[in-house]
């Protein structure tokens, strides 16, 4: 038999009752294309092939690819299976209707976000995770496990904990308990720039028990936001005033300050040239981003709030408060 590499997260799901339960929860359709990551020896794969149009199985270990091919060889299921060999995190995801997988646990977090930012939208994902990771995904504000992972996932998807799976259901058994989670992407997605959002949430959750006022006093945070603010100002030049000179034939000059002459008047006065001198408002020399940050926190009412108890709406309001003052996180 094959020696499984537990360091690479190879724990094969051996209990057929758990396999069937996962497939039931996935509510597969005859017309579905299913993405499976880490198919192992194919216990889940073969059951799904009996129910759907196609399974695209992504496997990094060539030995397991060989096992999977042997298992379907010469059967009517063989032509419904497509195997992609390689690292799923470095591969573009194909089109699929649903994702069903007993994931290698060390890729859980990057894979969840790769899935949620994937387009076109898929219907749902039924995924096996390490128990604590699964509980973080569904954690609510105020709970001990609530973290950046919780709020980012819940911004983009509806997440439900479906069932617990004990370690003895795997071969070889992992050191931790597992859980199956259902992830359904929000379609349409919230109208938020995810990089901006994640930049804000990352700062707030570095020390989730600190007040936001304290979290934003880090010199690294201030440097980043000062840099972004200066870029924003240079890209969105704010005009403080302009002088327009209207030159008539014969060198006569009419000066209009902060006023645009109508086209009718221009023709009437026989204006030959229009020159506008624009004055761009500059960032004052004594400008301090720290003061601007604290003002936004105070004005939005979040100075003394802590990330651990803030929900999605709180962070949306806070992000809007920062953005409307020209402070950006990406």
C-alpha atoms as a PDB file:
ATOM      1  CA  UNK A   1       0.000   0.000   0.000  1.00  0.00           C
ATOM      2  CA  UNK A   2       0.860   3.689  -0.248  1.00  0.00           C
ATOM      3  CA  UNK A   3       2.689   5.457   2.549  1.00  0.00           C
ATOM      4  CA  UNK A   4       0.687   8.617   3.145  1.00  0.00           C
ATOM      5  CA  UNK A   5       2.539  11.887   3.686  1.00  0.00           C
ATOM      6  CA  UNK A   6       0.785  13.338   6.744  1.00  0.00           C
ATOM      7  CA  UNK A   7       3.123  16.375   6.592  1.00  0.00           C
ATOM      8  CA  UNK A   8       1.416  17.241   3.292  1.00  0.00           C
ATOM      9  CA  UNK A   9      -2.030  16.763   4.880  1.00  0.00           C
ATOM     10  CA  UNK A  10      -2.690  13.304   3.410  1.00  0.00           C
ATOM     11  CA  UNK A  11      -5.426  11.820   5.598  1.00  0.00           C
ATOM     12  CA  UNK A  12      -7.751   9.664   3.531  1.00  0.00           C
ATOM     13  CA  UNK A  13     -11.434   9.731   4.482  1.00  0.00           C
ATOM     14  CA  UNK A  14     -12.225   6.021   4.925  1.00  0.00           C
ATOM     15  CA  UNK A  15     -15.704   5.944   6.518  1.00  0.00           C
ATOM     16  CA  UNK A  16     -18.332   5.424   3.740  1.00  0.00           C
ATOM     17  CA  UNK A  17     -21.078   6.819   5.998  1.00  0.00           C
ATOM     18  CA  UNK A  18     -19.216  10.157   6.261  1.00  0.00           C
ATOM     19  CA  UNK A  19     -18.534  10.118   2.496  1.00  0.00           C
ATOM     20  CA  UNK A  20     -22.266   9.592   1.772  1.00  0.00           C
ATOM     21  CA  UNK A  21     -23.257  12.261   4.271  1.00  0.00           C
ATOM     22  CA  UNK A  22     -20.958  14.831   2.588  1.00  0.00           C
ATOM     23  CA  UNK A  23     -22.421  13.961  -0.818  1.00  0.00           C
ATOM     24  CA  UNK A  24     -25.982  14.316   0.519  1.00  0.00           C
ATOM     25  CA  UNK A  25     -25.178  17.736   1.988  1.00  0.00           C
ATOM     26  CA  UNK A  26     -23.725  18.865  -1.357  1.00  0.00           C
ATOM     27  CA  UNK A  27     -27.121  18.294  -3.088  1.00  0.00           C
ATOM     28  CA  UNK A  28     -25.361  17.332  -6.326  1.00  0.00           C
ATOM     29  CA  UNK A  29     -27.169  17.565  -9.673  1.00  0.00           C
ATOM     30  CA  UNK A  30     -26.804  15.346 -12.759  1.00  0.00           C
ATOM     31  CA  UNK A  31     -25.577  18.348 -14.787  1.00  0.00           C
ATOM     32  CA  UNK A  32     -22.923  19.449 -12.259  1.00  0.00           C
ATOM     33  CA  UNK A  33     -19.207  19.915 -12.855  1.00  0.00           C
ATOM     34  CA  UNK A  34     -17.532  19.334  -9.466  1.00  0.00           C
ATOM     35  CA  UNK A  35     -14.125  20.590  -8.354  1.00  0.00           C
ATOM     36  CA  UNK A  36     -12.385  18.284  -5.873  1.00  0.00           C
ATOM     37  CA  UNK A  37      -9.079  19.210  -4.231  1.00  0.00           C
ATOM     38  CA  UNK A  38      -6.920  16.453  -2.746  1.00  0.00           C
ATOM     39  CA  UNK A  39      -8.929  13.427  -3.957  1.00  0.00           C
ATOM     40  CA  UNK A  40      -6.455  10.987  -2.385  1.00  0.00           C
ATOM     41  CA  UNK A  41      -7.353   7.418  -3.385  1.00  0.00           C
ATOM     42  CA  UNK A  42     -10.772   8.511  -4.647  1.00  0.00           C
ATOM     43  CA  UNK A  43     -13.300   7.401  -1.993  1.00  0.00           C
ATOM     44  CA  UNK A  44     -15.268  10.648  -2.403  1.00  0.00           C
ATOM     45  CA  UNK A  45     -14.444  10.995  -6.117  1.00  0.00           C
ATOM     46  CA  UNK A  46     -15.956   7.676  -7.214  1.00  0.00           C
ATOM     47  CA  UNK A  47     -19.207   8.318  -5.316  1.00  0.00           C
ATOM     48  CA  UNK A  48     -19.531  11.754  -6.933  1.00  0.00           C
ATOM     49  CA  UNK A  49     -18.772  10.420 -10.432  1.00  0.00           C
ATOM     50  CA  UNK A  50     -21.872   8.221 -10.113  1.00  0.00           C
ATOM     51  CA  UNK A  51     -24.059  11.311  -9.564  1.00  0.00           C
ATOM     52  CA  UNK A  52     -22.671  14.161 -11.702  1.00  0.00           C
ATOM     53  CA  UNK A  53     -21.646  15.088 -15.235  1.00  0.00           C
ATOM     54  CA  UNK A  54     -17.944  15.535 -14.455  1.00  0.00           C
ATOM     55  CA  UNK A  55     -15.421  15.699 -11.599  1.00  0.00           C
ATOM     56  CA  UNK A  56     -12.242  17.770 -11.969  1.00  0.00           C
ATOM     57  CA  UNK A  57      -9.856  16.344  -9.366  1.00  0.00           C
ATOM     58  CA  UNK A  58      -6.743  18.380  -8.460  1.00  0.00           C
ATOM     59  CA  UNK A  59      -3.938  16.348  -6.901  1.00  0.00           C
ATOM     60  CA  UNK A  60      -0.312  17.322  -6.227  1.00  0.00           C
ATOM     61  CA  UNK A  61       1.045  13.803  -5.505  1.00  0.00           C
ATOM     62  CA  UNK A  62       1.726  11.735  -8.689  1.00  0.00           C
ATOM     63  CA  UNK A  63       1.449   8.463  -6.679  1.00  0.00           C
ATOM     64  CA  UNK A  64      -2.134   9.262  -5.690  1.00  0.00           C
ATOM     65  CA  UNK A  65      -2.922  10.344  -9.259  1.00  0.00           C
ATOM     66  CA  UNK A  66      -1.876   6.835 -10.353  1.00  0.00           C
ATOM     67  CA  UNK A  67      -4.107   5.227  -7.690  1.00  0.00           C
ATOM     68  CA  UNK A  68      -7.093   7.320  -8.761  1.00  0.00           C
ATOM     69  CA  UNK A  69      -6.587   6.488 -12.458  1.00  0.00           C
ATOM     70  CA  UNK A  70      -6.332   2.756 -11.653  1.00  0.00           C
ATOM     71  CA  UNK A  71      -9.549   2.917  -9.666  1.00  0.00           C
ATOM     72  CA  UNK A  72     -11.704   4.174 -12.553  1.00  0.00           C
ATOM     73  CA  UNK A  73      -9.818   2.527 -15.421  1.00  0.00           C
ATOM     74  CA  UNK A  74     -12.023   0.415 -17.646  1.00  0.00           C
ATOM     75  CA  UNK A  75     -15.240   1.635 -15.976  1.00  0.00           C
ATOM     76  CA  UNK A  76     -17.971   3.898 -17.368  1.00  0.00           C
ATOM     77  CA  UNK A  77     -16.831   6.555 -14.852  1.00  0.00           C
ATOM     78  CA  UNK A  78     -13.383   7.052 -16.435  1.00  0.00           C
ATOM     79  CA  UNK A  79     -14.531   9.521 -19.108  1.00  0.00           C
ATOM     80  CA  UNK A  80     -16.301  11.686 -16.471  1.00  0.00           C
ATOM     81  CA  UNK A  81     -13.069  12.237 -14.516  1.00  0.00           C
ATOM     82  CA  UNK A  82     -10.510  14.916 -15.352  1.00  0.00           C
ATOM     83  CA  UNK A  83      -7.340  14.931 -13.235  1.00  0.00           C
ATOM     84  CA  UNK A  84      -5.200  18.047 -12.913  1.00  0.00           C
ATOM     85  CA  UNK A  85      -1.751  17.416 -11.436  1.00  0.00           C
ATOM     86  CA  UNK A  86      -0.170  20.291  -9.483  1.00  0.00           C
ATOM     87  CA  UNK A  87      -0.524  22.805  -6.682  1.00  0.00           C
ATOM     88  CA  UNK A  88      -4.090  24.150  -6.612  1.00  0.00           C
ATOM     89  CA  UNK A  89      -2.902  27.456  -5.098  1.00  0.00           C
ATOM     90  CA  UNK A  90      -0.679  28.092  -8.134  1.00  0.00           C
ATOM     91  CA  UNK A  91      -3.276  26.993 -10.679  1.00  0.00           C
ATOM     92  CA  UNK A  92      -6.134  28.946 -12.252  1.00  0.00           C
ATOM     93  CA  UNK A  93      -9.396  27.376 -11.113  1.00  0.00           C
ATOM     94  CA  UNK A  94     -11.503  25.840 -13.896  1.00  0.00           C
ATOM     95  CA  UNK A  95     -15.238  26.474 -14.339  1.00  0.00           C
ATOM     96  CA  UNK A  96     -17.249  24.413 -11.829  1.00  0.00           C
ATOM     97  CA  UNK A  97     -20.730  24.357 -10.256  1.00  0.00           C
ATOM     98  CA  UNK A  98     -19.739  23.172  -6.777  1.00  0.00           C
ATOM     99  CA  UNK A  99     -16.577  22.288  -4.874  1.00  0.00           C
ATOM    100  CA  UNK A 100     -16.506  19.202  -2.638  1.00  0.00           C
ATOM    101  CA  UNK A 101     -13.246  18.349  -0.898  1.00  0.00           C
ATOM    102  CA  UNK A 102     -11.417  16.824   2.039  1.00  0.00           C
ATOM    103  CA  UNK A 103      -8.759  19.546   1.918  1.00  0.00           C
ATOM    104  CA  UNK A 104      -5.122  19.249   2.982  1.00  0.00           C
ATOM    105  CA  UNK A 105      -5.500  21.366   6.131  1.00  0.00           C
ATOM    106  CA  UNK A 106      -2.415  23.556   5.616  1.00  0.00           C
ATOM    107  CA  UNK A 107      -3.923  25.167   2.490  1.00  0.00           C
ATOM    108  CA  UNK A 108      -7.313  25.880   4.134  1.00  0.00           C
ATOM    109  CA  UNK A 109      -7.093  29.669   4.459  1.00  0.00           C
ATOM    110  CA  UNK A 110      -5.511  30.577   1.078  1.00  0.00           C
ATOM    111  CA  UNK A 111      -7.812  28.119  -0.702  1.00  0.00           C
ATOM    112  CA  UNK A 112     -10.989  29.572   0.872  1.00  0.00           C
ATOM    113  CA  UNK A 113     -10.092  33.062  -0.416  1.00  0.00           C
ATOM    114  CA  UNK A 114      -9.028  31.768  -3.814  1.00  0.00           C
ATOM    115  CA  UNK A 115     -12.484  30.154  -4.021  1.00  0.00           C
ATOM    116  CA  UNK A 116     -14.396  33.220  -2.820  1.00  0.00           C
ATOM    117  CA  UNK A 117     -12.666  35.600  -5.228  1.00  0.00           C
ATOM    118  CA  UNK A 118     -13.136  33.167  -8.153  1.00  0.00           C
ATOM    119  CA  UNK A 119     -15.381  34.161 -11.064  1.00  0.00           C
ATOM    120  CA  UNK A 120     -17.767  33.066 -12.490  1.00  0.00           C
ATOM    121  CA  UNK A 121     -19.653  32.285  -9.274  1.00  0.00           C
ATOM    122  CA  UNK A 122     -20.118  28.681  -8.163  1.00  0.00           C
ATOM    123  CA  UNK A 123     -23.205  27.451  -6.277  1.00  0.00           C
ATOM    124  CA  UNK A 124     -21.584  26.196  -3.082  1.00  0.00           C
ATOM    125  CA  UNK A 125     -18.572  24.467  -1.521  1.00  0.00           C
ATOM    126  CA  UNK A 126     -18.736  21.575   0.955  1.00  0.00           C
ATOM    127  CA  UNK A 127     -15.313  21.390   2.591  1.00  0.00           C
ATOM    128  CA  UNK A 128     -13.647  19.360   5.332  1.00  0.00           C
ATOM    129  CA  UNK A 129     -11.485  21.460   7.655  1.00  0.00           C
ATOM    130  CA  UNK A 130      -9.639  21.122  10.925  1.00  0.00           C
ATOM    131  CA  UNK A 131     -12.294  21.689  13.649  1.00  0.00           C
ATOM    132  CA  UNK A 132     -10.834  24.917  15.027  1.00  0.00           C
ATOM    133  CA  UNK A 133     -10.482  26.432  11.546  1.00  0.00           C
ATOM    134  CA  UNK A 134     -14.109  25.532  10.772  1.00  0.00           C
ATOM    135  CA  UNK A 135     -15.281  27.172  14.009  1.00  0.00           C
ATOM    136  CA  UNK A 136     -13.302  30.324  13.158  1.00  0.00           C
ATOM    137  CA  UNK A 137     -15.081  30.510   9.796  1.00  0.00           C
ATOM    138  CA  UNK A 138     -18.504  30.612  11.465  1.00  0.00           C
ATOM    139  CA  UNK A 139     -17.526  32.602  14.613  1.00  0.00           C
ATOM    140  CA  UNK A 140     -19.636  35.659  15.473  1.00  0.00           C
ATOM    141  CA  UNK A 141     -18.547  39.038  16.972  1.00  0.00           C
ATOM    142  CA  UNK A 142     -17.748  38.712  20.673  1.00  0.00           C
ATOM    143  CA  UNK A 143     -16.821  35.017  20.498  1.00  0.00           C
ATOM    144  CA  UNK A 144     -13.291  33.918  21.413  1.00  0.00           C
ATOM    145  CA  UNK A 145     -12.569  32.497  17.930  1.00  0.00           C
ATOM    146  CA  UNK A 146     -13.846  35.576  16.025  1.00  0.00           C
ATOM    147  CA  UNK A 147     -10.998  36.860  13.851  1.00  0.00           C
ATOM    148  CA  UNK A 148     -10.044  38.356  10.491  1.00  0.00           C
ATOM    149  CA  UNK A 149     -10.777  35.006   8.811  1.00  0.00           C
ATOM    150  CA  UNK A 150     -14.349  35.036  10.247  1.00  0.00           C
ATOM    151  CA  UNK A 151     -15.289  38.529   9.093  1.00  0.00           C
ATOM    152  CA  UNK A 152     -13.616  38.264   5.670  1.00  0.00           C
ATOM    153  CA  UNK A 153     -15.321  34.958   4.883  1.00  0.00           C
ATOM    154  CA  UNK A 154     -18.705  36.179   6.137  1.00  0.00           C
ATOM    155  CA  UNK A 155     -18.388  39.377   4.070  1.00  0.00           C
ATOM    156  CA  UNK A 156     -18.166  37.294   0.887  1.00  0.00           C
ATOM    157  CA  UNK A 157     -20.239  34.227   1.742  1.00  0.00           C
ATOM    158  CA  UNK A 158     -22.835  32.546   3.881  1.00  0.00           C
ATOM    159  CA  UNK A 159     -21.065  29.939   6.027  1.00  0.00           C
ATOM    160  CA  UNK A 160     -22.647  27.015   7.911  1.00  0.00           C
ATOM    161  CA  UNK A 161     -21.100  24.339  10.123  1.00  0.00           C
ATOM    162  CA  UNK A 162     -22.642  21.060   8.915  1.00  0.00           C
ATOM    163  CA  UNK A 163     -21.129  18.269  10.998  1.00  0.00           C
ATOM    164  CA  UNK A 164     -18.248  17.143  13.172  1.00  0.00           C
ATOM    165  CA  UNK A 165     -15.994  14.318  11.933  1.00  0.00           C
ATOM    166  CA  UNK A 166     -13.864  12.396  14.436  1.00  0.00           C
ATOM    167  CA  UNK A 167     -10.194  11.647  13.729  1.00  0.00           C
ATOM    168  CA  UNK A 168     -10.822   7.868  13.518  1.00  0.00           C
ATOM    169  CA  UNK A 169     -12.716   8.319  10.255  1.00  0.00           C
ATOM    170  CA  UNK A 170      -9.390   8.926   8.484  1.00  0.00           C
ATOM    171  CA  UNK A 171      -6.422   6.780   7.505  1.00  0.00           C
ATOM    172  CA  UNK A 172      -3.925   7.606   8.956  1.00  0.00           C
ATOM    173  CA  UNK A 173      -5.847   9.524  11.679  1.00  0.00           C
ATOM    174  CA  UNK A 174      -4.885  13.222  12.012  1.00  0.00           C
ATOM    175  CA  UNK A 175      -3.919  14.695  15.398  1.00  0.00           C
ATOM    176  CA  UNK A 176      -6.991  16.971  15.393  1.00  0.00           C
ATOM    177  CA  UNK A 177     -10.752  16.664  15.051  1.00  0.00           C
ATOM    178  CA  UNK A 178     -12.420  17.806  11.814  1.00  0.00           C
ATOM    179  CA  UNK A 179     -15.620  19.496  10.649  1.00  0.00           C
ATOM    180  CA  UNK A 180     -17.530  19.853   7.399  1.00  0.00           C
ATOM    181  CA  UNK A 181     -18.578  23.382   6.398  1.00  0.00           C
ATOM    182  CA  UNK A 182     -20.847  24.717   3.656  1.00  0.00           C
ATOM    183  CA  UNK A 183     -19.771  27.962   1.956  1.00  0.00           C
ATOM    184  CA  UNK A 184     -22.173  29.751  -0.372  1.00  0.00           C
ATOM    185  CA  UNK A 185     -20.781  32.854  -2.092  1.00  0.00           C
ATOM    186  CA  UNK A 186     -22.906  36.004  -1.950  1.00  0.00           C
ATOM    187  CA  UNK A 187     -24.072  36.743  -5.480  1.00  0.00           C
ATOM    188  CA  UNK A 188     -23.965  39.614  -6.254  1.00  0.00           C
ATOM    189  CA  UNK A 189     -20.976  40.276  -3.978  1.00  0.00           C
ATOM    190  CA  UNK A 190     -20.978  43.301  -1.636  1.00  0.00           C
ATOM    191  CA  UNK A 191     -19.941  46.497  -3.521  1.00  0.00           C
ATOM    192  CA  UNK A 192     -16.619  46.728  -1.655  1.00  0.00           C
ATOM    193  CA  UNK A 193     -13.012  46.737  -2.835  1.00  0.00           C
ATOM    194  CA  UNK A 194     -11.796  43.586  -1.061  1.00  0.00           C
ATOM    195  CA  UNK A 195      -8.119  44.694  -0.942  1.00  0.00           C
ATOM    196  CA  UNK A 196      -9.171  47.957   0.766  1.00  0.00           C
ATOM    197  CA  UNK A 197     -11.451  46.087   3.154  1.00  0.00           C
ATOM    198  CA  UNK A 198      -8.813  43.493   4.054  1.00  0.00           C
ATOM    199  CA  UNK A 199      -6.226  46.245   4.627  1.00  0.00           C
ATOM    200  CA  UNK A 200      -8.484  47.838   7.256  1.00  0.00           C
ATOM    201  CA  UNK A 201      -9.507  44.549   8.878  1.00  0.00           C
ATOM    202  CA  UNK A 202      -5.876  43.365   9.035  1.00  0.00           C
ATOM    203  CA  UNK A 203      -4.874  46.450  11.071  1.00  0.00           C
ATOM    204  CA  UNK A 204      -7.883  46.149  13.390  1.00  0.00           C
ATOM    205  CA  UNK A 205      -7.356  42.430  14.106  1.00  0.00           C
ATOM    206  CA  UNK A 206      -3.572  42.458  14.701  1.00  0.00           C
ATOM    207  CA  UNK A 207      -4.510  42.991  18.357  1.00  0.00           C
ATOM    208  CA  UNK A 208      -8.259  42.378  18.353  1.00  0.00           C
ATOM    209  CA  UNK A 209      -8.609  43.183  22.078  1.00  0.00           C
ATOM    210  CA  UNK A 210      -7.041  46.637  21.732  1.00  0.00           C
ATOM    211  CA  UNK A 211      -9.179  49.690  21.073  1.00  0.00           C
ATOM    212  CA  UNK A 212      -9.035  50.886  17.470  1.00  0.00           C
ATOM    213  CA  UNK A 213      -7.552  54.165  18.706  1.00  0.00           C
ATOM    214  CA  UNK A 214      -4.565  52.177  20.071  1.00  0.00           C
ATOM    215  CA  UNK A 215      -4.355  49.797  17.081  1.00  0.00           C
ATOM    216  CA  UNK A 216      -3.991  52.723  14.658  1.00  0.00           C
ATOM    217  CA  UNK A 217      -1.186  54.368  16.687  1.00  0.00           C
ATOM    218  CA  UNK A 218       1.396  51.845  15.415  1.00  0.00           C
ATOM    219  CA  UNK A 219       4.144  53.692  13.520  1.00  0.00           C
ATOM    220  CA  UNK A 220       4.049  51.101  10.702  1.00  0.00           C
ATOM    221  CA  UNK A 221       0.310  51.720  10.241  1.00  0.00           C
ATOM    222  CA  UNK A 222       0.784  55.498  10.279  1.00  0.00           C
ATOM    223  CA  UNK A 223       3.597  55.295   7.709  1.00  0.00           C
ATOM    224  CA  UNK A 224       1.496  53.117   5.391  1.00  0.00           C
ATOM    225  CA  UNK A 225      -1.578  55.345   5.608  1.00  0.00           C
ATOM    226  CA  UNK A 226       0.485  58.541   5.231  1.00  0.00           C
ATOM    227  CA  UNK A 227       2.066  57.094   2.064  1.00  0.00           C
ATOM    228  CA  UNK A 228      -1.354  56.068   0.689  1.00  0.00           C
ATOM    229  CA  UNK A 229      -2.862  59.463   1.590  1.00  0.00           C
ATOM    230  CA  UNK A 230      -0.148  61.368  -0.313  1.00  0.00           C
ATOM    231  CA  UNK A 231      -0.640  59.143  -3.367  1.00  0.00           C
ATOM    232  CA  UNK A 232      -4.419  59.683  -3.157  1.00  0.00           C
ATOM    233  CA  UNK A 233      -3.958  63.483  -2.988  1.00  0.00           C
ATOM    234  CA  UNK A 234      -1.603  63.540  -5.975  1.00  0.00           C
ATOM    235  CA  UNK A 235      -3.980  61.384  -8.038  1.00  0.00           C
ATOM    236  CA  UNK A 236      -7.064  63.402  -7.071  1.00  0.00           C
ATOM    237  CA  UNK A 237      -5.692  66.947  -7.182  1.00  0.00           C
ATOM    238  CA  UNK A 238      -8.041  69.230  -5.326  1.00  0.00           C
ATOM    239  CA  UNK A 239      -8.424  72.611  -7.014  1.00  0.00           C
ATOM    240  CA  UNK A 240      -8.548  75.376  -4.421  1.00  0.00           C
ATOM    241  CA  UNK A 241      -8.998  78.231  -6.890  1.00  0.00           C
ATOM    242  CA  UNK A 242      -8.402  79.250 -10.481  1.00  0.00           C
ATOM    243  CA  UNK A 243      -7.781  82.468 -12.386  1.00  0.00           C
ATOM    244  CA  UNK A 244      -9.027  82.753 -15.954  1.00  0.00           C
ATOM    245  CA  UNK A 245      -7.645  85.335 -18.360  1.00  0.00           C
ATOM    246  CA  UNK A 246      -9.786  86.153 -21.414  1.00  0.00           C
ATOM    247  CA  UNK A 247      -7.654  87.794 -24.108  1.00  0.00           C
ATOM    248  CA  UNK A 248      -9.347  89.983 -26.717  1.00  0.00           C
ATOM    249  CA  UNK A 249      -7.853  90.999 -30.002  1.00  0.00           C
ATOM    250  CA  UNK A 250      -5.428  93.911 -29.648  1.00  0.00           C
ATOM    251  CA  UNK A 251      -3.983  92.604 -26.356  1.00  0.00           C
ATOM    252  CA  UNK A 252      -6.854  93.668 -24.078  1.00  0.00           C
ATOM    253  CA  UNK A 253      -7.107  91.340 -21.082  1.00  0.00           C
ATOM    254  CA  UNK A 254     -10.188  90.619 -18.972  1.00  0.00           C
ATOM    255  CA  UNK A 255      -9.641  88.866 -15.634  1.00  0.00           C
ATOM    256  CA  UNK A 256     -12.292  86.648 -14.100  1.00  0.00           C
ATOM    257  CA  UNK A 257     -11.564  85.016 -10.732  1.00  0.00           C
ATOM    258  CA  UNK A 258     -13.226  81.669  -9.914  1.00  0.00           C
ATOM    259  CA  UNK A 259     -15.764  82.377 -12.637  1.00  0.00           C
ATOM    260  CA  UNK A 260     -16.400  80.847 -16.012  1.00  0.00           C
ATOM    261  CA  UNK A 261     -17.611  83.208 -18.743  1.00  0.00           C
ATOM    262  CA  UNK A 262     -20.517  81.856 -20.756  1.00  0.00           C
ATOM    263  CA  UNK A 263     -19.900  80.953 -24.401  1.00  0.00           C
ATOM    264  CA  UNK A 264     -22.369  83.662 -25.521  1.00  0.00           C
ATOM    265  CA  UNK A 265     -20.391  86.297 -23.617  1.00  0.00           C
ATOM    266  CA  UNK A 266     -17.093  85.002 -25.046  1.00  0.00           C
ATOM    267  CA  UNK A 267     -18.452  85.413 -28.604  1.00  0.00           C
ATOM    268  CA  UNK A 268     -20.010  88.793 -27.834  1.00  0.00           C
ATOM    269  CA  UNK A 269     -16.750  90.211 -26.471  1.00  0.00           C
ATOM    270  CA  UNK A 270     -14.767  88.695 -29.385  1.00  0.00           C
ATOM    271  CA  UNK A 271     -12.446  86.771 -27.064  1.00  0.00           C
ATOM    272  CA  UNK A 272      -9.539  85.185 -28.945  1.00  0.00           C
ATOM    273  CA  UNK A 273      -7.760  83.169 -26.212  1.00  0.00           C
ATOM    274  CA  UNK A 274      -8.756  81.741 -22.836  1.00  0.00           C
ATOM    275  CA  UNK A 275      -5.966  80.968 -20.340  1.00  0.00           C
ATOM    276  CA  UNK A 276      -6.777  79.356 -16.997  1.00  0.00           C
ATOM    277  CA  UNK A 277      -4.242  79.218 -14.171  1.00  0.00           C
ATOM    278  CA  UNK A 278      -5.214  76.539 -11.673  1.00  0.00           C
ATOM    279  CA  UNK A 279      -3.989  76.543  -8.095  1.00  0.00           C
ATOM    280  CA  UNK A 280      -3.748  73.023  -6.601  1.00  0.00           C
ATOM    281  CA  UNK A 281      -4.273  72.734  -2.860  1.00  0.00           C
ATOM    282  CA  UNK A 282      -1.140  71.201  -1.356  1.00  0.00           C
ATOM    283  CA  UNK A 283      -0.744  69.088   1.787  1.00  0.00           C
ATOM    284  CA  UNK A 284       0.391  71.523   4.512  1.00  0.00           C
ATOM    285  CA  UNK A 285       3.973  71.078   5.783  1.00  0.00           C
ATOM    286  CA  UNK A 286       2.760  70.471   9.348  1.00  0.00           C
ATOM    287  CA  UNK A 287       0.266  67.782   8.216  1.00  0.00           C
ATOM    288  CA  UNK A 288       0.117  64.764  10.550  1.00  0.00           C
ATOM    289  CA  UNK A 289      -1.677  61.617   9.393  1.00  0.00           C
ATOM    290  CA  UNK A 290      -1.949  60.438  13.039  1.00  0.00           C
ATOM    291  CA  UNK A 291      -4.261  63.353  13.849  1.00  0.00           C
ATOM    292  CA  UNK A 292      -6.398  62.724  10.764  1.00  0.00           C
ATOM    293  CA  UNK A 293      -6.725  59.005  11.638  1.00  0.00           C
ATOM    294  CA  UNK A 294      -7.789  59.739  15.216  1.00  0.00           C
ATOM    295  CA  UNK A 295     -10.290  62.359  13.974  1.00  0.00           C
ATOM    296  CA  UNK A 296     -11.921  59.789  11.644  1.00  0.00           C
ATOM    297  CA  UNK A 297     -12.094  57.215  14.466  1.00  0.00           C
ATOM    298  CA  UNK A 298     -13.650  59.793  16.797  1.00  0.00           C
ATOM    299  CA  UNK A 299     -16.127  61.139  14.206  1.00  0.00           C
ATOM    300  CA  UNK A 300     -17.311  57.638  13.256  1.00  0.00           C
ATOM    301  CA  UNK A 301     -17.630  56.676  16.930  1.00  0.00           C
ATOM    302  CA  UNK A 302     -15.142  53.773  16.765  1.00  0.00           C
ATOM    303  CA  UNK A 303     -12.198  55.147  18.814  1.00  0.00           C
ATOM    304  CA  UNK A 304     -12.950  53.018  21.865  1.00  0.00           C
ATOM    305  CA  UNK A 305     -14.397  50.014  19.997  1.00  0.00           C
ATOM    306  CA  UNK A 306     -12.471  46.741  19.724  1.00  0.00           C
ATOM    307  CA  UNK A 307     -12.308  44.589  16.580  1.00  0.00           C
ATOM    308  CA  UNK A 308     -13.399  41.483  18.532  1.00  0.00           C
ATOM    309  CA  UNK A 309     -16.924  42.915  18.965  1.00  0.00           C
ATOM    310  CA  UNK A 310     -17.373  44.710  15.601  1.00  0.00           C
ATOM    311  CA  UNK A 311     -19.524  43.247  12.829  1.00  0.00           C
ATOM    312  CA  UNK A 312     -19.474  43.668   9.033  1.00  0.00           C
ATOM    313  CA  UNK A 313     -21.685  46.789   9.093  1.00  0.00           C
ATOM    314  CA  UNK A 314     -19.344  48.430  11.632  1.00  0.00           C
ATOM    315  CA  UNK A 315     -16.326  47.869   9.387  1.00  0.00           C
ATOM    316  CA  UNK A 316     -18.215  49.067   6.290  1.00  0.00           C
ATOM    317  CA  UNK A 317     -19.080  52.330   8.100  1.00  0.00           C
ATOM    318  CA  UNK A 318     -15.509  52.740   9.319  1.00  0.00           C
ATOM    319  CA  UNK A 319     -14.031  52.070   5.855  1.00  0.00           C
ATOM    320  CA  UNK A 320     -16.416  54.641   4.366  1.00  0.00           C
ATOM    321  CA  UNK A 321     -15.347  57.157   7.052  1.00  0.00           C
ATOM    322  CA  UNK A 322     -11.662  56.707   6.196  1.00  0.00           C
ATOM    323  CA  UNK A 323     -12.183  56.699   2.417  1.00  0.00           C
ATOM    324  CA  UNK A 324     -14.268  59.871   2.462  1.00  0.00           C
ATOM    325  CA  UNK A 325     -11.302  61.609   4.132  1.00  0.00           C
ATOM    326  CA  UNK A 326      -8.893  60.320   1.456  1.00  0.00           C
ATOM    327  CA  UNK A 327      -7.387  57.589   3.675  1.00  0.00           C
ATOM    328  CA  UNK A 328      -6.985  54.276   1.837  1.00  0.00           C
ATOM    329  CA  UNK A 329      -5.694  50.837   2.793  1.00  0.00           C
ATOM    330  CA  UNK A 330      -4.443  49.463  -0.528  1.00  0.00           C
END
